[in-house]
């Protein structure tokens, strides 16, 4: 069931823009087409097909950037033998950690109005501190263990030691964190767009569609319910799927000899 909840909105986001549809405008909130029209007279079904790429694509891009930047910082901080480098990398992130995420993203979105790249980078940056702390904590034991010392004595390269060995040790915690991180990114991106601080009000993005058409909910409910259901379906299904995978991996570890 969780896989279906994820695959339906994900499939719409990936393959929806490839489906041809008639983008001509009609009457606002009219029962024309499969799901009627929105407040601007645009086909709701066509907007759903076109809007998932930004709704989910920005969130996935933000999580990828957060793991690349935060993961690199956490690995270097855990692997270094110099305390000053560890402190210099982690302390600035500790200062950024208490800042309200939505407030920071809203400020960036206002400064770069309707910029999908700016919103993506902002969502990524508010996630970097927590990702860096997670990776550092997960990598500390492996980075200070006897295996790393043995690899150093064998004159293995820094990349082979800290990426090949230490990096593998953090895959489990990262996989457990992935479900929460992606759903949080979807929530932040959708919140900024819903508040009208992100993409253009005429963008086909699912959150923008919910915000723009909520006044016509009683006239044409599908203009609001359809994009909202896709967002809820993805976040709920992805959380359930991630929890199931984490529990299964823990069970395999417990029964392993």
Foldseek 3Di string as FASTA:
>chain_A
DLVVLACVLVVLQPCLVVDDDDFDFDDALAPPDDQFAHRRRGDLSNLSSHASVLLQVLLVLLQVLLCVQLLVLLLCLLQDPDPVSVCVSQVVLVVLQVDDLLVQLLVQLQVVPQDSVSSSPSLNVNNSNVSNVLLNVQLNDQSPDPVLVVCVVVVHDPCCRRCVGSVVSSPLVCLLCVLVSSLVSSVSSLVCLLVVSYRHCPRSHLSSQLNVRVVCCVSRVCSNVVSVSSSVSNSVSSNVVSVVVSVVVVVCVVPDD
